[in-house]
Amino acid sequence: MSDERPAQTSSSFHFIAGLSTGILSASLLQPADLLKTRVQQAHSTSLLQTFRGITQSPNSLRQLWRGTLPSVIRTGFGSALYFSTLNALRQHVSRSNLLASAGMASIVQTNPRRTPSSSSSSSSSSSSSSSLPQLSNLANLTTGAIARASAGLIMMPITVIKVRYESNLYAYRSLLGAGSAILKHEGPRGFFSGFGATAIRDAPYAGLYVVFYEQSKRRLSQLKDVTAPVGGEMKRSSSVPINFVSGVLAAGLATALTNPFDAVKTRLQLMPGRYENMVQASRQMVREEGVRSLFDGLGLRMGRKAVSSALAWTLYEELVRRAEGATWREANTSLR
């Protein structure tokens, strides 16, 4: 009886875990996000010039955290929606074998989610640091992309407000004032400025991130080759650093591949009157400023995404691991 997993963490738990990790990462890394936005809004301004301009202004420390509230709302609830949706999709795919039945991929069928007492069924699964369902690369890519695109659509209005707060092109004093100004001058459509570029940035980024993250964890786990004495579960002291390093590597790769869409998205959201759509904006940017403009803010974005994603995913997986471990122990105690 003890070999069976009694219960899984609820969707609300994954929502709260995602919310907590999102709020933490957004609060800590807001200055990097603000600097990225300022650099992308004006190609002629370097990171050093931007940073000096902010630090030499009155209330420089406060200026570096400008836009923290919309950023916390957007990243916190966005992460909550993303992780809870991703968990639901991954659980569904692991149970239904959906992608494999379509002849597109094979999903790892050994215990969709390992438990503290489950026996190891394969060398790859036994040496993995993951506490999440083990899926194929295609399944990871698809579920990650769908979850991120869905969360991005819901959070788009606060995303637009966040970017404009961080820019120095607007002088919004409150979230309500920003929302009223956008609605008055641009209509409801203004809240979804740059959604095409955002979706094309976020969906591939999230999908690629999950693929790179899971592959990195698997390879680093095999390299580390340290497993717990019982059940094929990697020791927590080993799994945490492996997950964090995997998060940094995955975010760096996924960010580099999707940065052009981020640069275009920022221009569309800050200057909707100048740029009509994603294709026209990218062409105009390349024509007037060169291909390099599509990679403005890449270093900042890579650094921020590497730390924020690694922090969020490591904490999220650790929360899931601890919660499910506690659930398993409670259920086993009640059965004795």
Protein backbone atom coordinates (compact mmCIF):
# COMPACT_ATOMS: atom_id res chain seq x y z
CA MET A 1 0.00 0.00 0.00
CA SER A 2 2.78 2.37 0.80
CA ASP A 3 4.04 2.08 -2.76
CA GLU A 4 0.98 3.86 -4.13
CA ARG A 5 0.82 7.61 -4.24
CA PRO A 6 -2.27 8.61 -2.18
CA ALA A 7 -2.87 12.08 -3.58
CA GLN A 8 -1.39 14.80 -5.75
CA THR A 9 -1.07 18.43 -4.83
CA SER A 10 -4.13 20.41 -5.84
CA SER A 11 -4.32 23.00 -8.62
CA SER A 12 -4.73 25.70 -5.98
CA PHE A 13 -1.40 24.66 -4.43
CA HIS A 14 0.36 25.08 -7.78
CA PHE A 15 -1.35 28.46 -8.22
CA ILE A 16 -0.17 29.67 -4.80
CA ALA A 17 3.35 28.26 -5.32
CA GLY A 18 3.61 30.03 -8.68
CA LEU A 19 2.26 33.25 -7.19
CA SER A 20 4.82 33.20 -4.37
CA THR A 21 7.81 32.53 -6.61
CA GLY A 22 6.66 35.12 -9.15
CA ILE A 23 6.26 37.86 -6.56
CA LEU A 24 9.69 37.13 -5.07
CA SER A 25 11.55 37.16 -8.39
CA ALA A 26 9.74 40.27 -9.67
CA SER A 27 10.48 42.25 -6.51
CA LEU A 28 14.16 41.35 -6.44
CA LEU A 29 14.88 41.84 -10.14
CA GLN A 30 12.77 44.89 -11.03
CA PRO A 31 15.82 47.17 -11.64
CA ALA A 32 17.08 44.83 -14.38
CA ASP A 33 13.64 44.81 -16.03
CA LEU A 34 13.43 48.60 -15.89
CA LEU A 35 16.90 49.04 -17.40
CA LYS A 36 16.04 46.59 -20.21
CA THR A 37 12.91 48.56 -21.07
CA ARG A 38 14.80 51.88 -21.11
CA VAL A 39 17.55 50.47 -23.35
CA GLN A 40 15.04 48.95 -25.78
CA GLN A 41 12.93 52.11 -26.06
CA ALA A 42 15.87 54.09 -27.46
CA HIS A 43 18.47 52.20 -29.47
CA SER A 44 20.93 55.09 -29.22
CA THR A 45 21.14 54.83 -25.43
CA SER A 46 23.61 52.36 -23.91
CA LEU A 47 23.11 50.44 -20.70
CA LEU A 48 25.80 52.46 -18.93
CA GLN A 49 24.27 55.78 -20.02
CA THR A 50 20.84 54.62 -18.93
CA PHE A 51 22.08 53.46 -15.55
CA ARG A 52 24.00 56.68 -14.96
CA GLY A 53 20.98 58.77 -15.92
CA ILE A 54 18.82 56.98 -13.37
CA THR A 55 21.37 56.97 -10.54
CA GLN A 56 22.12 60.68 -11.00
CA SER A 57 18.45 61.64 -10.79
CA PRO A 58 16.66 62.51 -7.51
CA ASN A 59 15.40 59.46 -5.60
CA SER A 60 17.61 57.21 -7.73
CA LEU A 61 16.92 54.09 -5.66
CA ARG A 62 13.19 54.59 -5.95
CA GLN A 63 13.55 55.18 -9.70
CA LEU A 64 15.27 51.81 -10.14
CA TRP A 65 12.21 50.11 -8.64
CA ARG A 66 9.71 52.20 -10.62
CA GLY A 67 6.90 49.99 -11.87
CA THR A 68 7.37 47.36 -9.18
CA LEU A 69 3.66 47.12 -8.35
CA PRO A 70 2.46 46.35 -11.90
CA SER A 71 5.50 44.09 -12.34
CA VAL A 72 4.66 42.13 -9.17
CA ILE A 73 1.01 41.82 -10.21
CA ARG A 74 1.93 40.76 -13.72
CA THR A 75 4.73 38.34 -12.80
CA GLY A 76 3.06 37.03 -9.65
CA PHE A 77 -0.32 36.20 -11.14
CA GLY A 78 1.25 35.35 -14.50
CA SER A 79 3.48 32.76 -12.82
CA ALA A 80 0.52 31.46 -10.82
CA LEU A 81 -1.54 30.96 -13.98
CA TYR A 82 1.43 29.53 -15.85
CA PHE A 83 2.48 26.94 -13.27
CA SER A 84 -1.05 25.80 -12.46
CA THR A 85 -1.94 25.52 -16.16
CA LEU A 86 1.35 23.81 -16.99
CA ASN A 87 0.86 21.30 -14.18
CA ALA A 88 -2.67 20.48 -15.36
CA LEU A 89 -1.51 20.04 -18.96
CA ARG A 90 1.49 17.89 -17.99
CA GLN A 91 -0.65 15.68 -15.76
CA HIS A 92 -3.21 15.26 -18.55
CA VAL A 93 -0.57 14.42 -21.15
CA SER A 94 1.25 11.99 -18.86
CA ARG A 95 -2.00 10.14 -18.09
CA SER A 96 -3.51 10.13 -21.58
CA ASN A 97 -0.30 9.58 -23.58
CA LEU A 98 -1.86 12.05 -26.01
CA LEU A 99 1.17 12.98 -28.10
CA ALA A 100 2.46 9.43 -28.33
CA SER A 101 -0.93 8.15 -29.54
CA ALA A 102 -0.75 10.67 -32.38
CA GLY A 103 2.55 9.14 -33.42
CA MET A 104 4.53 12.28 -32.65
CA ALA A 105 6.45 11.35 -29.53
CA SER A 106 6.81 8.81 -26.80
CA ILE A 107 6.18 9.85 -23.26
CA VAL A 108 8.03 8.37 -20.34
CA GLN A 109 5.50 6.04 -18.79
CA THR A 110 7.31 5.17 -15.62
CA ASN A 111 5.26 6.64 -12.76
CA PRO A 112 3.98 10.04 -14.03
CA ARG A 113 5.17 11.61 -10.78
CA ARG A 114 7.67 9.95 -8.49
CA THR A 115 6.97 9.63 -4.81
CA PRO A 116 9.17 9.23 -1.78
CA SER A 117 8.42 5.51 -1.77
CA SER A 118 8.14 4.67 -5.43
CA SER A 119 10.63 2.22 -6.82
CA SER A 120 13.02 3.26 -9.50
CA SER A 121 11.99 2.06 -12.90
CA SER A 122 14.68 3.37 -15.21
CA SER A 123 18.14 4.78 -14.95
CA SER A 124 17.09 8.14 -16.37
CA SER A 125 14.17 8.51 -14.08
CA SER A 126 16.03 7.30 -11.06
CA SER A 127 18.78 9.87 -11.48
CA SER A 128 16.55 12.82 -12.27
CA SER A 129 16.25 15.73 -9.87
CA SER A 130 12.73 16.53 -11.11
CA SER A 131 9.64 16.31 -8.90
CA LEU A 132 7.35 16.86 -11.92
CA PRO A 133 5.87 14.47 -14.51
CA GLN A 134 8.48 13.17 -16.97
CA LEU A 135 7.44 13.87 -20.58
CA SER A 136 8.99 13.75 -24.02
CA ASN A 137 10.72 16.79 -25.53
CA LEU A 138 7.74 17.46 -27.80
CA ALA A 139 5.32 17.21 -24.89
CA ASN A 140 7.45 19.59 -22.82
CA LEU A 141 7.67 22.04 -25.73
CA THR A 142 3.93 21.95 -26.42
CA THR A 143 2.66 22.16 -22.85
CA GLY A 144 5.11 24.95 -21.97
CA ALA A 145 4.12 27.02 -25.01
CA ILE A 146 0.36 26.61 -24.47
CA ALA A 147 0.55 27.42 -20.76
CA ARG A 148 2.64 30.57 -21.32
CA ALA A 149 0.53 31.86 -24.24
CA SER A 150 -2.66 31.40 -22.21
CA ALA A 151 -1.26 33.19 -19.16
CA GLY A 152 0.18 35.93 -21.38
CA LEU A 153 -3.19 36.68 -22.97
CA ILE A 154 -4.92 37.00 -19.61
CA MET A 155 -2.17 39.20 -18.16
CA MET A 156 -1.67 41.36 -21.28
CA PRO A 157 -3.38 44.54 -19.96
CA ILE A 158 -1.18 44.69 -16.85
CA THR A 159 1.85 43.86 -19.03
CA VAL A 160 1.25 46.96 -21.16
CA ILE A 161 0.87 49.12 -18.05
CA LYS A 162 4.03 47.60 -16.56
CA VAL A 163 6.17 48.37 -19.62
CA ARG A 164 4.92 51.95 -19.79
CA TYR A 165 5.52 52.45 -16.09
CA GLU A 166 9.13 51.38 -16.58
CA SER A 167 9.59 53.69 -19.55
CA ASN A 168 10.26 57.41 -19.16
CA LEU A 169 7.91 58.20 -22.06
CA TYR A 170 4.86 58.18 -19.79
CA ALA A 171 4.17 59.89 -16.50
CA TYR A 172 1.57 57.61 -14.97
CA ARG A 173 1.07 58.14 -11.23
CA SER A 174 -1.12 55.15 -10.46
CA LEU A 175 -2.39 51.91 -11.99
CA LEU A 176 -5.89 53.35 -12.22
CA GLY A 177 -4.59 56.49 -13.90
CA ALA A 178 -2.58 54.45 -16.38
CA GLY A 179 -5.56 52.26 -17.23
CA SER A 180 -7.83 55.27 -17.67
CA ALA A 181 -5.33 57.05 -19.93
CA ILE A 182 -4.87 54.00 -22.16
CA LEU A 183 -8.62 53.44 -22.43
CA LYS A 184 -9.27 57.12 -23.21
CA HIS A 185 -6.61 57.58 -25.88
CA GLU A 186 -6.34 54.10 -27.42
CA GLY A 187 -9.50 52.26 -26.46
CA PRO A 188 -9.63 48.62 -25.25
CA ARG A 189 -7.24 47.67 -28.05
CA GLY A 190 -4.49 49.65 -26.31
CA PHE A 191 -4.36 47.08 -23.50
CA PHE A 192 -3.30 44.44 -26.02
CA SER A 193 -0.63 46.42 -27.86
CA GLY A 194 2.15 44.10 -28.92
CA PHE A 195 0.29 40.91 -28.05
CA GLY A 196 1.35 39.23 -31.31
CA ALA A 197 5.04 39.83 -30.59
CA THR A 198 4.52 38.91 -26.93
CA ALA A 199 2.85 35.60 -27.81
CA ILE A 200 5.51 34.77 -30.41
CA ARG A 201 8.16 35.60 -27.80
CA ASP A 202 6.60 33.89 -24.79
CA ALA A 203 5.22 30.69 -26.31
CA PRO A 204 8.51 29.56 -27.93
CA TYR A 205 10.48 30.82 -24.93
CA ALA A 206 8.41 28.84 -22.44
CA GLY A 207 8.36 25.74 -24.61
CA LEU A 208 12.09 25.84 -25.26
CA TYR A 209 12.77 26.62 -21.62
CA VAL A 210 10.93 23.53 -20.37
CA VAL A 211 12.72 21.34 -22.95
CA PHE A 212 16.18 22.72 -22.10
CA TYR A 213 15.40 22.69 -18.37
CA GLU A 214 14.30 19.05 -18.26
CA GLN A 215 17.17 17.91 -20.51
CA SER A 216 19.71 19.81 -18.43
CA LYS A 217 18.35 18.36 -15.19
CA ARG A 218 18.51 14.87 -16.61
CA ARG A 219 22.07 15.23 -17.87
CA LEU A 220 23.36 16.99 -14.75
CA SER A 221 21.66 14.38 -12.57
CA GLN A 222 23.37 11.60 -14.48
CA LEU A 223 26.67 13.46 -14.24
CA LYS A 224 26.22 13.99 -10.52
CA ASP A 225 25.05 10.39 -10.14
CA VAL A 226 23.92 10.88 -6.54
CA THR A 227 20.62 9.27 -5.56
CA ALA A 228 18.75 8.84 -2.32
CA PRO A 229 18.99 5.49 -0.55
CA VAL A 230 15.31 4.71 -1.12
CA GLY A 231 13.04 5.08 -4.11
CA GLY A 232 15.37 6.50 -6.75
CA GLU A 233 14.71 10.04 -5.54
CA MET A 234 17.70 12.36 -5.70
CA LYS A 235 18.89 13.83 -2.44
CA ARG A 236 17.49 17.31 -1.82
CA SER A 237 21.00 18.66 -1.22
CA SER A 238 21.86 17.63 -4.79
CA SER A 239 18.55 18.36 -6.54
CA VAL A 240 18.32 22.04 -5.54
CA PRO A 241 21.63 23.18 -7.10
CA ILE A 242 21.03 20.97 -10.16
CA ASN A 243 17.61 22.53 -10.70
CA PHE A 244 18.99 26.05 -10.24
CA VAL A 245 21.89 25.56 -12.65
CA SER A 246 19.53 23.93 -15.15
CA GLY A 247 17.21 26.93 -14.85
CA VAL A 248 20.06 29.36 -15.56
CA LEU A 249 21.25 27.41 -18.62
CA ALA A 250 17.75 26.91 -20.01
CA ALA A 251 16.81 30.57 -19.59
CA GLY A 252 20.01 31.75 -21.25
CA LEU A 253 19.46 29.63 -24.35
CA ALA A 254 15.73 30.34 -24.66
CA THR A 255 16.24 34.09 -24.10
CA ALA A 256 18.91 34.41 -26.78
CA LEU A 257 16.65 32.72 -29.35
CA THR A 258 13.57 34.86 -28.60
CA ASN A 259 15.06 38.32 -27.87
CA PRO A 260 14.12 39.90 -31.24
CA PHE A 261 10.45 39.40 -30.42
CA ASP A 262 10.97 41.02 -27.02
CA ALA A 263 12.60 44.09 -28.60
CA VAL A 264 9.74 44.44 -31.12
CA LYS A 265 7.15 43.91 -28.38
CA THR A 266 8.59 46.73 -26.28
CA ARG A 267 8.49 49.20 -29.19
CA LEU A 268 4.89 48.28 -30.02
CA GLN A 269 3.78 48.80 -26.43
CA LEU A 270 5.65 52.07 -25.92
CA MET A 271 5.05 53.67 -29.31
CA PRO A 272 1.81 52.30 -30.79
CA GLY A 273 1.41 55.42 -32.92
CA ARG A 274 4.73 54.85 -34.66
CA TYR A 275 4.63 51.08 -35.05
CA GLU A 276 1.45 49.50 -36.44
CA ASN A 277 2.19 45.78 -36.16
CA MET A 278 4.96 43.30 -35.50
CA VAL A 279 6.09 42.91 -39.13
CA GLN A 280 6.13 46.65 -39.85
CA ALA A 281 7.87 47.38 -36.55
CA SER A 282 10.64 44.83 -37.11
CA ARG A 283 11.25 46.05 -40.67
CA GLN A 284 11.37 49.69 -39.59
CA MET A 285 13.72 48.91 -36.71
CA VAL A 286 16.12 47.02 -38.99
CA ARG A 287 15.94 49.69 -41.70
CA GLU A 288 16.53 52.64 -39.39
CA GLU A 289 18.74 51.11 -36.69
CA GLY A 290 20.12 47.87 -38.10
CA VAL A 291 19.73 44.24 -37.09
CA ARG A 292 21.45 44.99 -33.81
CA SER A 293 18.33 46.83 -32.61
CA LEU A 294 16.54 43.46 -32.42
CA PHE A 295 19.03 42.40 -29.77
CA ASP A 296 18.91 45.53 -27.62
CA GLY A 297 18.76 44.58 -23.96
CA LEU A 298 19.83 40.99 -24.65
CA GLY A 299 22.47 40.90 -21.93
CA LEU A 300 20.12 42.38 -19.34
CA ARG A 301 17.26 40.12 -20.37
CA MET A 302 19.47 37.02 -20.31
CA GLY A 303 20.78 37.90 -16.87
CA ARG A 304 17.37 38.72 -15.46
CA LYS A 305 15.60 35.72 -17.02
CA ALA A 306 18.38 33.37 -15.97
CA VAL A 307 18.13 34.38 -12.32
CA SER A 308 14.34 34.84 -12.19
CA SER A 309 13.51 31.61 -14.01
CA ALA A 310 16.06 29.57 -12.07
CA LEU A 311 14.82 31.02 -8.78
CA ALA A 312 11.14 30.56 -9.62
CA TRP A 313 11.48 27.00 -10.92
CA THR A 314 13.82 25.84 -8.16
CA LEU A 315 11.54 27.20 -5.44
CA TYR A 316 8.45 25.89 -7.22
CA GLU A 317 9.83 22.36 -7.55
CA GLU A 318 11.03 22.40 -3.95
CA LEU A 319 7.59 23.50 -2.72
CA VAL A 320 5.97 20.71 -4.75
CA ARG A 321 8.49 18.17 -3.46
CA ARG A 322 7.95 19.14 0.17
CA ALA A 323 4.15 19.30 -0.13
CA GLU A 324 3.86 15.91 -1.80
CA GLY A 325 6.35 14.40 0.64
CA ALA A 326 4.25 15.67 3.56
CA THR A 327 1.06 14.35 1.92
CA TRP A 328 2.62 10.93 1.41
CA ARG A 329 3.88 10.74 5.01
CA GLU A 330 0.49 11.77 6.42
CA ALA A 331 -1.30 9.19 4.30
CA ASN A 332 1.15 6.45 5.30
CA THR A 333 0.74 7.34 8.99
CA SER A 334 -3.05 7.10 8.73
CA LEU A 335 -2.77 3.66 7.12
CA ARG A 336 -0.73 2.17 9.97
